[in-house]
N, C-alpha and C. Protein backbone atom coordinates (compact mmCIF):
# COMPACT_ATOMS: atom_id res chain seq x y z
N MET A 1 9.42 43.94 29.45
CA MET A 1 8.75 43.84 30.74
C MET A 1 9.66 43.15 31.74
N ARG A 2 9.78 43.72 32.94
CA ARG A 2 10.60 43.08 33.97
C ARG A 2 9.87 41.88 34.54
N THR A 3 10.63 40.89 34.92
CA THR A 3 10.03 39.67 35.46
C THR A 3 10.58 39.37 36.85
N TYR A 4 9.72 38.79 37.69
CA TYR A 4 10.16 38.35 39.01
C TYR A 4 10.81 36.98 38.94
N GLY A 5 10.64 36.28 37.83
CA GLY A 5 11.22 34.95 37.70
C GLY A 5 10.55 33.93 38.60
N GLN A 6 9.27 34.14 38.92
CA GLN A 6 8.54 33.23 39.80
C GLN A 6 7.28 32.73 39.09
N TYR A 7 6.96 31.45 39.34
CA TYR A 7 5.74 30.90 38.73
C TYR A 7 4.48 31.38 39.45
N CYS A 8 4.62 31.93 40.65
CA CYS A 8 3.48 32.36 41.45
C CYS A 8 2.54 33.23 40.62
N PRO A 9 1.22 32.95 40.59
CA PRO A 9 0.31 33.75 39.77
C PRO A 9 0.24 35.21 40.20
N ILE A 10 0.45 35.49 41.49
CA ILE A 10 0.49 36.89 41.92
C ILE A 10 1.66 37.60 41.26
N ALA A 11 2.83 36.95 41.25
CA ALA A 11 4.01 37.55 40.64
C ALA A 11 3.81 37.73 39.14
N ARG A 12 3.24 36.72 38.49
CA ARG A 12 3.04 36.81 37.04
C ARG A 12 2.01 37.88 36.68
N THR A 13 0.96 38.01 37.48
CA THR A 13 -0.03 39.06 37.24
C THR A 13 0.58 40.43 37.47
N ALA A 14 1.37 40.56 38.54
CA ALA A 14 1.98 41.85 38.87
C ALA A 14 2.94 42.31 37.77
N GLU A 15 3.61 41.36 37.11
CA GLU A 15 4.53 41.73 36.03
C GLU A 15 3.83 42.56 34.96
N LEU A 16 2.58 42.25 34.71
CA LEU A 16 1.84 42.97 33.67
C LEU A 16 0.99 44.09 34.25
N ILE A 17 0.21 43.80 35.27
CA ILE A 17 -0.81 44.73 35.75
C ILE A 17 -0.24 45.79 36.70
N ALA A 18 0.83 45.48 37.42
CA ALA A 18 1.34 46.42 38.42
C ALA A 18 2.31 47.44 37.85
N GLU A 19 2.48 47.47 36.53
CA GLU A 19 3.32 48.51 35.95
C GLU A 19 2.62 49.86 36.09
N ARG A 20 3.43 50.91 36.25
CA ARG A 20 2.87 52.25 36.43
C ARG A 20 1.91 52.60 35.31
N TRP A 21 0.74 53.11 35.66
CA TRP A 21 -0.35 53.56 34.80
C TRP A 21 -1.24 52.44 34.28
N THR A 22 -0.75 51.19 34.28
CA THR A 22 -1.58 50.13 33.70
C THR A 22 -2.91 49.95 34.44
N PRO A 23 -2.94 49.91 35.78
CA PRO A 23 -4.25 49.78 36.44
C PRO A 23 -5.18 50.96 36.15
N ILE A 24 -4.61 52.14 35.96
CA ILE A 24 -5.42 53.32 35.67
C ILE A 24 -6.04 53.19 34.28
N ILE A 25 -5.27 52.69 33.33
CA ILE A 25 -5.78 52.49 31.97
C ILE A 25 -6.90 51.46 31.98
N VAL A 26 -6.69 50.36 32.70
CA VAL A 26 -7.74 49.33 32.80
C VAL A 26 -8.98 49.91 33.47
N ARG A 27 -8.78 50.67 34.54
CA ARG A 27 -9.92 51.31 35.22
C ARG A 27 -10.70 52.20 34.26
N ASN A 28 -9.99 52.98 33.45
CA ASN A 28 -10.67 53.89 32.53
C ASN A 28 -11.46 53.11 31.47
N LEU A 29 -10.90 52.02 31.00
CA LEU A 29 -11.61 51.19 30.03
C LEU A 29 -12.84 50.55 30.66
N LEU A 30 -12.72 50.13 31.91
CA LEU A 30 -13.87 49.59 32.63
C LEU A 30 -14.96 50.64 32.80
N ASN A 31 -14.55 51.92 32.86
CA ASN A 31 -15.49 53.02 33.03
C ASN A 31 -16.06 53.54 31.72
N GLY A 32 -15.78 52.84 30.63
CA GLY A 32 -16.41 53.19 29.37
C GLY A 32 -15.58 54.01 28.41
N CYS A 33 -14.33 54.33 28.76
CA CYS A 33 -13.47 55.06 27.82
C CYS A 33 -13.17 54.17 26.62
N ARG A 34 -13.20 54.75 25.44
CA ARG A 34 -12.99 53.95 24.23
C ARG A 34 -11.91 54.52 23.32
N THR A 35 -11.68 55.81 23.36
CA THR A 35 -10.67 56.40 22.49
C THR A 35 -9.41 56.73 23.28
N PHE A 36 -8.33 56.95 22.55
CA PHE A 36 -7.05 57.30 23.17
C PHE A 36 -7.21 58.57 24.01
N THR A 37 -7.93 59.55 23.47
CA THR A 37 -8.13 60.82 24.18
C THR A 37 -8.93 60.61 25.45
N GLU A 38 -9.99 59.81 25.40
CA GLU A 38 -10.80 59.56 26.58
C GLU A 38 -9.99 58.87 27.67
N ILE A 39 -9.19 57.88 27.27
CA ILE A 39 -8.37 57.16 28.25
C ILE A 39 -7.37 58.11 28.89
N ARG A 40 -6.76 58.96 28.07
CA ARG A 40 -5.74 59.87 28.60
C ARG A 40 -6.36 60.93 29.50
N GLN A 41 -7.58 61.36 29.20
CA GLN A 41 -8.21 62.39 30.03
C GLN A 41 -8.41 61.88 31.46
N GLY A 42 -8.65 60.59 31.62
CA GLY A 42 -8.81 60.02 32.94
C GLY A 42 -7.49 59.61 33.58
N ALA A 43 -6.38 59.95 32.93
CA ALA A 43 -5.05 59.63 33.45
C ALA A 43 -4.16 60.86 33.34
N PRO A 44 -4.53 61.97 34.03
CA PRO A 44 -3.72 63.19 33.93
C PRO A 44 -2.27 62.92 34.29
N GLY A 45 -1.37 63.38 33.45
CA GLY A 45 0.05 63.21 33.74
C GLY A 45 0.74 62.17 32.88
N ILE A 46 -0.01 61.26 32.27
CA ILE A 46 0.62 60.25 31.43
C ILE A 46 0.98 60.87 30.08
N SER A 47 2.13 60.52 29.54
CA SER A 47 2.52 61.02 28.23
C SER A 47 1.84 60.20 27.14
N THR A 48 1.70 60.77 25.98
CA THR A 48 1.08 60.04 24.87
C THR A 48 1.92 58.81 24.51
N ALA A 49 3.25 58.95 24.57
CA ALA A 49 4.12 57.83 24.22
C ALA A 49 3.95 56.67 25.19
N LEU A 50 3.89 56.99 26.49
CA LEU A 50 3.76 55.92 27.48
C LEU A 50 2.38 55.27 27.40
N LEU A 51 1.33 56.07 27.16
CA LEU A 51 0.00 55.49 27.03
C LEU A 51 -0.05 54.55 25.83
N ALA A 52 0.54 54.96 24.72
CA ALA A 52 0.58 54.10 23.54
C ALA A 52 1.33 52.80 23.84
N GLN A 53 2.42 52.92 24.59
CA GLN A 53 3.22 51.74 24.95
C GLN A 53 2.42 50.78 25.83
N ARG A 54 1.72 51.33 26.83
CA ARG A 54 0.94 50.48 27.73
C ARG A 54 -0.23 49.82 26.99
N LEU A 55 -0.90 50.56 26.13
CA LEU A 55 -2.01 49.98 25.36
C LEU A 55 -1.51 48.88 24.43
N ASP A 56 -0.34 49.08 23.85
CA ASP A 56 0.24 48.06 22.98
C ASP A 56 0.54 46.79 23.78
N ALA A 57 1.08 46.94 24.98
CA ALA A 57 1.38 45.77 25.82
C ALA A 57 0.10 45.03 26.20
N LEU A 58 -0.95 45.79 26.56
CA LEU A 58 -2.22 45.16 26.92
C LEU A 58 -2.83 44.45 25.72
N HIS A 59 -2.65 45.02 24.54
CA HIS A 59 -3.15 44.38 23.31
C HIS A 59 -2.39 43.08 23.03
N ARG A 60 -1.08 43.12 23.17
CA ARG A 60 -0.27 41.93 22.91
C ARG A 60 -0.59 40.78 23.86
N HIS A 61 -1.03 41.12 25.06
CA HIS A 61 -1.36 40.09 26.05
C HIS A 61 -2.84 39.71 26.04
N GLY A 62 -3.56 40.21 25.04
CA GLY A 62 -4.95 39.80 24.89
C GLY A 62 -5.91 40.41 25.89
N ILE A 63 -5.51 41.52 26.52
CA ILE A 63 -6.37 42.17 27.50
C ILE A 63 -7.22 43.26 26.85
N VAL A 64 -6.70 43.85 25.79
CA VAL A 64 -7.38 44.93 25.08
C VAL A 64 -7.46 44.59 23.59
N ASP A 65 -8.60 44.85 23.00
CA ASP A 65 -8.77 44.81 21.55
C ASP A 65 -8.82 46.23 21.04
N CYS A 66 -8.37 46.45 19.80
CA CYS A 66 -8.49 47.77 19.22
C CYS A 66 -8.86 47.64 17.75
N GLU A 67 -9.53 48.66 17.25
CA GLU A 67 -9.94 48.69 15.85
C GLU A 67 -10.00 50.14 15.40
N SER A 68 -9.97 50.34 14.10
CA SER A 68 -10.07 51.71 13.59
C SER A 68 -11.44 52.27 13.92
N SER A 69 -11.48 53.56 14.25
CA SER A 69 -12.75 54.19 14.56
C SER A 69 -13.57 54.33 13.29
N PRO A 70 -14.90 54.41 13.41
CA PRO A 70 -15.75 54.53 12.22
C PRO A 70 -15.39 55.72 11.34
N SER A 71 -14.87 56.79 11.96
CA SER A 71 -14.50 57.98 11.19
C SER A 71 -13.20 57.80 10.42
N GLY A 72 -12.46 56.72 10.75
CA GLY A 72 -11.18 56.50 10.11
C GLY A 72 -10.03 57.22 10.78
N ARG A 73 -10.34 58.01 11.81
CA ARG A 73 -9.31 58.74 12.53
C ARG A 73 -9.13 58.12 13.91
N GLY A 74 -7.93 57.62 14.18
CA GLY A 74 -7.65 57.04 15.49
C GLY A 74 -8.23 55.63 15.62
N ARG A 75 -8.12 55.13 16.84
CA ARG A 75 -8.58 53.77 17.14
C ARG A 75 -9.57 53.79 18.29
N ARG A 76 -10.34 52.73 18.38
CA ARG A 76 -11.23 52.52 19.50
C ARG A 76 -10.75 51.28 20.25
N TYR A 77 -10.77 51.36 21.57
CA TYR A 77 -10.25 50.28 22.41
C TYR A 77 -11.38 49.71 23.26
N ARG A 78 -11.27 48.43 23.56
CA ARG A 78 -12.21 47.80 24.48
C ARG A 78 -11.52 46.64 25.15
N LEU A 79 -11.96 46.31 26.33
CA LEU A 79 -11.41 45.17 27.05
C LEU A 79 -11.97 43.87 26.48
N THR A 80 -11.12 42.88 26.38
CA THR A 80 -11.58 41.55 26.02
C THR A 80 -12.19 40.88 27.25
N GLU A 81 -12.67 39.66 27.10
CA GLU A 81 -13.18 38.94 28.27
C GLU A 81 -12.08 38.82 29.33
N LYS A 82 -10.88 38.56 28.87
CA LYS A 82 -9.73 38.46 29.78
C LYS A 82 -9.52 39.79 30.51
N GLY A 83 -9.68 40.90 29.81
CA GLY A 83 -9.52 42.21 30.43
C GLY A 83 -10.65 42.55 31.38
N ARG A 84 -11.89 42.24 30.97
CA ARG A 84 -13.04 42.54 31.83
C ARG A 84 -12.98 41.76 33.14
N ASP A 85 -12.28 40.64 33.11
CA ASP A 85 -12.15 39.84 34.32
C ASP A 85 -11.26 40.52 35.36
N LEU A 86 -10.61 41.60 34.97
CA LEU A 86 -9.80 42.37 35.92
C LEU A 86 -10.65 43.31 36.77
N LYS A 87 -11.94 43.39 36.51
CA LYS A 87 -12.80 44.28 37.29
C LYS A 87 -12.73 43.96 38.78
N GLY A 88 -12.74 42.67 39.11
CA GLY A 88 -12.66 42.28 40.51
C GLY A 88 -11.36 42.74 41.15
N VAL A 89 -10.26 42.70 40.38
CA VAL A 89 -8.97 43.16 40.89
C VAL A 89 -9.02 44.66 41.16
N CYS A 90 -9.55 45.43 40.19
CA CYS A 90 -9.64 46.89 40.36
C CYS A 90 -10.57 47.25 41.51
N ASP A 91 -11.71 46.56 41.61
CA ASP A 91 -12.64 46.84 42.71
C ASP A 91 -11.99 46.58 44.06
N ALA A 92 -11.24 45.48 44.15
CA ALA A 92 -10.58 45.15 45.41
C ALA A 92 -9.53 46.21 45.77
N MET A 93 -8.77 46.67 44.78
CA MET A 93 -7.78 47.72 45.03
C MET A 93 -8.47 49.00 45.50
N GLY A 94 -9.59 49.34 44.85
CA GLY A 94 -10.30 50.55 45.24
C GLY A 94 -10.87 50.48 46.64
N GLN A 95 -11.48 49.36 46.98
CA GLN A 95 -12.05 49.20 48.32
C GLN A 95 -10.96 49.23 49.38
N TRP A 96 -9.85 48.57 49.12
CA TRP A 96 -8.75 48.55 50.10
C TRP A 96 -8.18 49.96 50.27
N GLY A 97 -7.95 50.66 49.14
CA GLY A 97 -7.39 52.00 49.22
C GLY A 97 -8.33 52.97 49.92
N ALA A 98 -9.63 52.86 49.65
CA ALA A 98 -10.60 53.76 50.28
C ALA A 98 -10.64 53.53 51.79
N ARG A 99 -10.44 52.28 52.21
CA ARG A 99 -10.52 51.97 53.63
C ARG A 99 -9.25 52.32 54.39
N TRP A 100 -8.11 52.08 53.79
CA TRP A 100 -6.87 52.12 54.56
C TRP A 100 -5.94 53.30 54.22
N LEU A 101 -6.10 53.95 53.09
CA LEU A 101 -5.15 54.99 52.69
C LEU A 101 -5.79 56.38 52.79
N GLU A 102 -5.09 57.30 53.42
CA GLU A 102 -5.58 58.66 53.55
C GLU A 102 -5.38 59.43 52.25
N VAL A 103 -6.33 60.32 51.97
CA VAL A 103 -6.17 61.23 50.84
C VAL A 103 -5.21 62.34 51.25
N GLN A 104 -4.18 62.53 50.45
CA GLN A 104 -3.17 63.55 50.72
C GLN A 104 -3.40 64.76 49.82
N ALA A 105 -2.73 65.85 50.13
CA ALA A 105 -2.93 67.09 49.38
C ALA A 105 -2.64 66.90 47.89
N HIS A 106 -1.63 66.09 47.56
CA HIS A 106 -1.28 65.93 46.14
C HIS A 106 -2.28 65.06 45.39
N HIS A 107 -3.27 64.50 46.09
CA HIS A 107 -4.32 63.72 45.43
C HIS A 107 -5.50 64.60 44.99
N LEU A 108 -5.52 65.86 45.41
CA LEU A 108 -6.67 66.73 45.17
C LEU A 108 -6.60 67.38 43.79
N ASP A 109 -6.74 66.58 42.77
CA ASP A 109 -6.71 67.07 41.39
C ASP A 109 -8.14 67.26 40.92
N PRO A 110 -8.63 68.50 40.80
CA PRO A 110 -10.03 68.69 40.41
C PRO A 110 -10.35 68.14 39.04
N ALA A 111 -9.38 68.15 38.13
CA ALA A 111 -9.63 67.61 36.79
C ALA A 111 -10.02 66.14 36.87
N TYR A 112 -9.30 65.38 37.72
CA TYR A 112 -9.64 63.96 37.83
C TYR A 112 -10.98 63.77 38.55
N VAL A 113 -11.21 64.53 39.63
CA VAL A 113 -12.46 64.36 40.38
C VAL A 113 -13.65 64.65 39.48
N LEU A 114 -13.57 65.71 38.68
CA LEU A 114 -14.68 66.05 37.78
C LEU A 114 -14.81 65.04 36.65
N TRP A 115 -13.68 64.53 36.16
CA TRP A 115 -13.75 63.46 35.16
C TRP A 115 -14.47 62.25 35.75
N ALA A 116 -14.09 61.88 36.97
CA ALA A 116 -14.75 60.74 37.62
C ALA A 116 -16.23 61.03 37.85
N THR A 117 -16.57 62.30 38.12
CA THR A 117 -17.97 62.67 38.31
C THR A 117 -18.78 62.42 37.06
N THR A 118 -18.19 62.67 35.87
CA THR A 118 -18.93 62.42 34.63
C THR A 118 -19.32 60.96 34.50
N LYS A 119 -18.55 60.06 35.11
CA LYS A 119 -18.84 58.63 35.01
C LYS A 119 -19.99 58.23 35.96
N LEU A 120 -20.38 59.14 36.84
CA LEU A 120 -21.44 58.86 37.80
C LEU A 120 -22.76 59.52 37.43
N VAL A 121 -22.78 60.23 36.30
CA VAL A 121 -24.00 60.92 35.88
C VAL A 121 -25.01 59.92 35.35
N ASP A 122 -26.23 60.00 35.85
CA ASP A 122 -27.33 59.18 35.34
C ASP A 122 -27.95 59.96 34.17
N VAL A 123 -27.54 59.61 32.96
CA VAL A 123 -27.98 60.39 31.79
C VAL A 123 -29.48 60.28 31.57
N ASN A 124 -30.11 59.25 32.11
CA ASN A 124 -31.56 59.12 31.95
C ASN A 124 -32.33 60.19 32.71
N LYS A 125 -31.67 60.84 33.68
CA LYS A 125 -32.32 61.89 34.46
C LYS A 125 -32.11 63.28 33.86
N LEU A 126 -31.27 63.38 32.84
CA LEU A 126 -30.94 64.68 32.28
C LEU A 126 -32.08 65.24 31.44
N PRO A 127 -32.15 66.57 31.33
CA PRO A 127 -33.12 67.17 30.41
C PRO A 127 -32.81 66.78 28.96
N ASP A 128 -33.73 67.07 28.07
CA ASP A 128 -33.54 66.72 26.65
C ASP A 128 -32.71 67.77 25.93
N ARG A 129 -31.68 68.22 26.57
CA ARG A 129 -30.74 69.17 25.97
C ARG A 129 -29.46 69.13 26.78
N THR A 130 -28.42 69.71 26.24
CA THR A 130 -27.15 69.78 26.97
C THR A 130 -27.24 70.84 28.08
N VAL A 131 -26.80 70.45 29.26
CA VAL A 131 -26.67 71.39 30.38
C VAL A 131 -25.18 71.58 30.63
N VAL A 132 -24.73 72.82 30.61
CA VAL A 132 -23.31 73.13 30.79
C VAL A 132 -23.09 73.70 32.19
N VAL A 133 -22.19 73.06 32.93
CA VAL A 133 -21.86 73.52 34.29
C VAL A 133 -20.39 73.92 34.30
N ARG A 134 -20.11 75.18 34.62
CA ARG A 134 -18.72 75.65 34.73
C ARG A 134 -18.30 75.62 36.18
N PHE A 135 -17.13 75.03 36.44
CA PHE A 135 -16.57 75.00 37.79
C PHE A 135 -15.41 75.99 37.88
N ASP A 136 -15.52 76.96 38.77
CA ASP A 136 -14.43 77.89 39.08
C ASP A 136 -13.79 77.43 40.37
N MET A 137 -12.49 77.11 40.34
CA MET A 137 -11.81 76.57 41.50
C MET A 137 -11.21 77.70 42.32
N GLN A 138 -11.75 77.90 43.52
CA GLN A 138 -11.31 79.01 44.35
C GLN A 138 -9.91 78.82 44.90
N ASP A 139 -9.46 77.56 45.02
CA ASP A 139 -8.10 77.30 45.48
C ASP A 139 -7.11 77.28 44.31
N ARG A 140 -7.63 77.33 43.08
CA ARG A 140 -6.79 77.35 41.88
C ARG A 140 -7.41 78.36 40.91
N PRO A 141 -7.23 79.65 41.18
CA PRO A 141 -7.94 80.69 40.43
C PRO A 141 -7.74 80.63 38.92
N ALA A 142 -6.64 80.06 38.48
CA ALA A 142 -6.38 80.02 37.04
C ALA A 142 -7.10 78.87 36.35
N GLU A 143 -7.75 78.00 37.12
CA GLU A 143 -8.34 76.80 36.54
C GLU A 143 -9.87 76.89 36.49
N GLN A 144 -10.42 76.51 35.33
CA GLN A 144 -11.85 76.37 35.15
C GLN A 144 -12.11 75.07 34.40
N TYR A 145 -13.24 74.46 34.70
CA TYR A 145 -13.62 73.21 34.05
C TYR A 145 -15.10 73.28 33.68
N TRP A 146 -15.46 72.55 32.64
CA TRP A 146 -16.83 72.54 32.18
C TRP A 146 -17.35 71.11 32.10
N LEU A 147 -18.48 70.85 32.74
CA LEU A 147 -19.17 69.57 32.57
C LEU A 147 -20.24 69.76 31.51
N LEU A 148 -20.21 68.90 30.49
CA LEU A 148 -21.24 68.90 29.46
C LEU A 148 -22.16 67.72 29.77
N LEU A 149 -23.31 68.01 30.33
CA LEU A 149 -24.24 66.98 30.78
C LEU A 149 -25.27 66.75 29.69
N ARG A 150 -25.14 65.62 29.00
CA ARG A 150 -26.01 65.32 27.87
C ARG A 150 -25.98 63.83 27.59
N ARG A 151 -26.95 63.38 26.83
CA ARG A 151 -26.97 61.99 26.41
C ARG A 151 -26.17 61.84 25.11
N PRO A 152 -25.49 60.73 24.86
CA PRO A 152 -25.51 59.52 25.71
C PRO A 152 -24.44 59.52 26.80
N THR A 153 -23.50 60.49 26.75
CA THR A 153 -22.37 60.45 27.68
C THR A 153 -22.03 61.86 28.14
N ALA A 154 -21.89 62.02 29.45
CA ALA A 154 -21.44 63.29 30.00
C ALA A 154 -19.93 63.44 29.74
N GLU A 155 -19.49 64.68 29.57
CA GLU A 155 -18.08 64.93 29.25
C GLU A 155 -17.52 66.03 30.12
N LEU A 156 -16.19 66.02 30.25
CA LEU A 156 -15.46 67.09 30.92
C LEU A 156 -14.62 67.83 29.89
N CYS A 157 -14.67 69.15 29.91
CA CYS A 157 -13.81 69.97 29.07
C CYS A 157 -12.95 70.86 29.96
N THR A 158 -11.74 71.10 29.53
CA THR A 158 -10.80 71.90 30.32
C THR A 158 -10.56 73.28 29.71
N ARG A 159 -11.29 73.60 28.66
CA ARG A 159 -11.22 74.94 28.08
C ARG A 159 -12.59 75.33 27.56
N GLY A 160 -12.81 76.63 27.37
CA GLY A 160 -14.11 77.13 26.94
C GLY A 160 -14.60 76.39 25.70
N VAL A 161 -15.85 76.05 25.68
CA VAL A 161 -16.37 75.22 24.60
C VAL A 161 -17.37 75.96 23.72
N GLY A 162 -17.65 77.23 24.02
CA GLY A 162 -18.55 77.99 23.19
C GLY A 162 -20.01 77.81 23.52
N TYR A 163 -20.30 77.02 24.56
CA TYR A 163 -21.68 76.84 24.97
C TYR A 163 -22.09 77.96 25.93
N ILE A 164 -23.40 78.19 26.01
CA ILE A 164 -23.91 79.07 27.04
C ILE A 164 -23.94 78.30 28.35
N GLU A 165 -23.33 78.85 29.38
CA GLU A 165 -23.23 78.16 30.67
C GLU A 165 -24.54 78.27 31.43
N ASP A 166 -25.10 77.13 31.83
CA ASP A 166 -26.36 77.12 32.56
C ASP A 166 -26.16 77.30 34.06
N ILE A 167 -25.08 76.70 34.58
CA ILE A 167 -24.79 76.77 36.01
C ILE A 167 -23.31 77.11 36.18
N ILE A 168 -23.03 77.97 37.13
CA ILE A 168 -21.64 78.24 37.51
C ILE A 168 -21.46 77.77 38.95
N ALA A 169 -20.49 76.90 39.16
CA ALA A 169 -20.21 76.35 40.49
C ALA A 169 -18.87 76.91 40.97
N ARG A 170 -18.87 77.51 42.14
CA ARG A 170 -17.64 78.05 42.73
C ARG A 170 -17.33 77.23 43.99
N THR A 171 -16.17 76.59 43.97
CA THR A 171 -15.83 75.69 45.09
C THR A 171 -14.32 75.49 45.12
N ASP A 172 -13.86 74.51 45.88
CA ASP A 172 -12.43 74.18 45.91
C ASP A 172 -12.25 72.68 45.77
N SER A 173 -11.00 72.26 45.61
CA SER A 173 -10.70 70.86 45.34
C SER A 173 -11.12 69.94 46.47
N ALA A 174 -10.91 70.36 47.71
CA ALA A 174 -11.26 69.52 48.86
C ALA A 174 -12.76 69.30 48.93
N CYS A 175 -13.53 70.33 48.64
CA CYS A 175 -14.99 70.19 48.67
C CYS A 175 -15.45 69.25 47.58
N LEU A 176 -14.89 69.37 46.39
CA LEU A 176 -15.25 68.46 45.30
C LEU A 176 -15.04 67.00 45.70
N LEU A 177 -13.89 66.73 46.31
CA LEU A 177 -13.59 65.37 46.71
C LEU A 177 -14.53 64.90 47.81
N ASP A 178 -14.82 65.75 48.77
CA ASP A 178 -15.73 65.38 49.86
C ASP A 178 -17.11 65.04 49.32
N ILE A 179 -17.58 65.79 48.33
CA ILE A 179 -18.88 65.49 47.72
C ILE A 179 -18.81 64.16 46.97
N HIS A 180 -17.73 63.97 46.23
CA HIS A 180 -17.57 62.75 45.43
C HIS A 180 -17.59 61.51 46.31
N LEU A 181 -16.94 61.61 47.47
CA LEU A 181 -16.86 60.46 48.38
C LEU A 181 -18.00 60.45 49.40
N ARG A 182 -18.95 61.37 49.24
CA ARG A 182 -20.13 61.47 50.09
C ARG A 182 -19.78 61.71 51.56
N LYS A 183 -18.68 62.44 51.79
CA LYS A 183 -18.40 62.93 53.14
C LYS A 183 -19.28 64.12 53.44
N THR A 184 -19.78 64.74 52.39
CA THR A 184 -20.81 65.76 52.49
C THR A 184 -21.65 65.63 51.23
N ASN A 185 -22.66 66.48 51.09
CA ASN A 185 -23.45 66.46 49.86
C ASN A 185 -23.59 67.89 49.35
N TYR A 186 -24.19 68.04 48.20
CA TYR A 186 -24.28 69.36 47.60
C TYR A 186 -25.03 70.34 48.50
N THR A 187 -26.13 69.89 49.08
CA THR A 187 -26.94 70.77 49.93
C THR A 187 -26.13 71.24 51.13
N GLU A 188 -25.44 70.31 51.80
CA GLU A 188 -24.63 70.68 52.98
C GLU A 188 -23.48 71.59 52.59
N ALA A 189 -22.87 71.32 51.43
CA ALA A 189 -21.75 72.15 50.98
C ALA A 189 -22.21 73.58 50.69
N VAL A 190 -23.41 73.72 50.11
CA VAL A 190 -23.95 75.05 49.85
C VAL A 190 -24.24 75.77 51.17
N ARG A 191 -24.87 75.07 52.09
CA ARG A 191 -25.20 75.69 53.38
C ARG A 191 -23.95 76.13 54.13
N ALA A 192 -22.87 75.36 54.00
CA ALA A 192 -21.63 75.67 54.70
C ALA A 192 -20.80 76.73 53.98
N GLY A 193 -21.24 77.16 52.81
CA GLY A 193 -20.50 78.16 52.05
C GLY A 193 -19.31 77.58 51.31
N ARG A 194 -19.21 76.26 51.25
CA ARG A 194 -18.09 75.63 50.54
C ARG A 194 -18.36 75.52 49.04
N LEU A 195 -19.62 75.66 48.67
CA LEU A 195 -20.03 75.55 47.26
C LEU A 195 -21.09 76.61 46.98
N ILE A 196 -20.89 77.34 45.90
CA ILE A 196 -21.88 78.32 45.45
C ILE A 196 -22.35 77.88 44.07
N LEU A 197 -23.66 77.70 43.90
CA LEU A 197 -24.23 77.33 42.62
C LEU A 197 -25.05 78.52 42.11
N GLU A 198 -24.67 79.02 40.96
CA GLU A 198 -25.38 80.14 40.35
C GLU A 198 -26.06 79.67 39.08
N GLY A 199 -27.34 80.01 38.95
CA GLY A 199 -28.09 79.61 37.78
C GLY A 199 -29.57 79.54 38.11
N PRO A 200 -30.39 79.16 37.14
CA PRO A 200 -31.83 79.05 37.39
C PRO A 200 -32.10 78.06 38.51
N PRO A 201 -32.89 78.44 39.53
CA PRO A 201 -33.14 77.54 40.66
C PRO A 201 -33.60 76.13 40.28
N PRO A 202 -34.47 75.95 39.28
CA PRO A 202 -34.85 74.57 38.92
C PRO A 202 -33.65 73.72 38.51
N LEU A 203 -32.69 74.34 37.82
CA LEU A 203 -31.51 73.59 37.39
C LEU A 203 -30.55 73.34 38.55
N THR A 204 -30.31 74.35 39.38
CA THR A 204 -29.37 74.17 40.49
C THR A 204 -29.91 73.17 41.50
N ARG A 205 -31.26 73.07 41.63
CA ARG A 205 -31.83 72.07 42.52
C ARG A 205 -31.74 70.67 41.92
N ALA A 206 -31.91 70.58 40.60
CA ALA A 206 -31.92 69.27 39.95
C ALA A 206 -30.51 68.71 39.76
N PHE A 207 -29.54 69.58 39.54
CA PHE A 207 -28.17 69.15 39.22
C PHE A 207 -27.63 68.07 40.16
N PRO A 208 -27.70 68.24 41.48
CA PRO A 208 -27.15 67.19 42.36
C PRO A 208 -27.85 65.84 42.23
N THR A 209 -29.10 65.83 41.80
CA THR A 209 -29.85 64.57 41.71
C THR A 209 -29.42 63.75 40.50
N TRP A 210 -28.66 64.34 39.61
CA TRP A 210 -28.23 63.62 38.41
C TRP A 210 -26.95 62.81 38.65
N ILE A 211 -26.30 63.01 39.78
CA ILE A 211 -24.96 62.44 40.01
C ILE A 211 -25.01 61.41 41.13
N GLY A 212 -24.51 60.22 40.86
CA GLY A 212 -24.48 59.16 41.86
C GLY A 212 -23.23 59.23 42.72
N SER A 213 -23.07 58.24 43.58
CA SER A 213 -21.93 58.18 44.50
C SER A 213 -20.77 57.42 43.87
N SER A 214 -19.59 57.74 44.32
CA SER A 214 -18.43 56.94 43.97
C SER A 214 -18.65 55.51 44.45
N PRO A 215 -18.24 54.51 43.66
CA PRO A 215 -18.40 53.13 44.13
C PRO A 215 -17.61 52.83 45.39
N PHE A 216 -16.68 53.72 45.75
CA PHE A 216 -15.86 53.49 46.94
C PHE A 216 -16.26 54.40 48.10
N ALA A 217 -17.35 55.15 47.93
CA ALA A 217 -17.76 56.09 48.97
C ALA A 217 -18.16 55.39 50.26
N ALA A 218 -18.68 54.17 50.14
CA ALA A 218 -19.18 53.47 51.32
C ALA A 218 -18.08 52.74 52.09
N ALA A 219 -16.87 52.70 51.53
CA ALA A 219 -15.80 51.97 52.21
C ALA A 219 -15.45 52.69 53.51
N ALA A 220 -15.59 51.96 54.63
CA ALA A 220 -15.34 52.57 55.94
C ALA A 220 -13.85 52.76 56.17
N PRO A 221 -13.42 53.94 56.64
CA PRO A 221 -12.00 54.11 56.95
C PRO A 221 -11.59 53.25 58.12
N SER A 222 -10.35 52.85 58.12
CA SER A 222 -9.84 52.02 59.22
C SER A 222 -9.80 52.84 60.50
N ALA A 223 -10.14 52.20 61.59
CA ALA A 223 -10.05 52.87 62.89
C ALA A 223 -8.61 53.19 63.24
N ASP A 224 -7.67 52.43 62.64
CA ASP A 224 -6.25 52.64 62.92
C ASP A 224 -5.57 53.52 61.90
N GLY A 225 -6.33 53.85 60.78
CA GLY A 225 -5.71 54.57 59.68
C GLY A 225 -5.58 56.06 59.95
């Protein structure tokens, strides 16, 4: 680990937390990810080797605990008290970024937006069965994603899962992000033709009510930004 050689607590914290991908890993753990695969799914682009390296560093510094999974395959990770105390740091970064930084074209990754959407699903509102929603990306014709809405945890799949699809959503990456950040809502997006929901009307009407807002949706953009 590189060091700034300063006793300043900001410098010492940055030595560990400001390394590339580390805040993303902590964010994913705060959002309930427990397995290596779950953590990586919320960090598109990270290599398995680098993720293993970062998790090992967080473990050595007492920020993450790990144990063998009950199945005996792989490990399960969780934040320690020391790690959970980073929530305020992550929240502050998110609020600042939402207020002052513009979303650029290279930020429009539908896989991440839909993964983040699964973390906002109120599973208590779901029917007593799995509801499968397929997303066809009109700006990325080769890409399809599936939301598996079920208790206890909603999931994102990036390839066909063999389920019967209940709803098909046709949209684009910009619309997904606008809905996620509550710059628009599902009803407005449908009316504007930015989103098409195909499926039984009771399900297509209920689907938007199962998903909450991003915790950073309310952050006001800077007047100067």
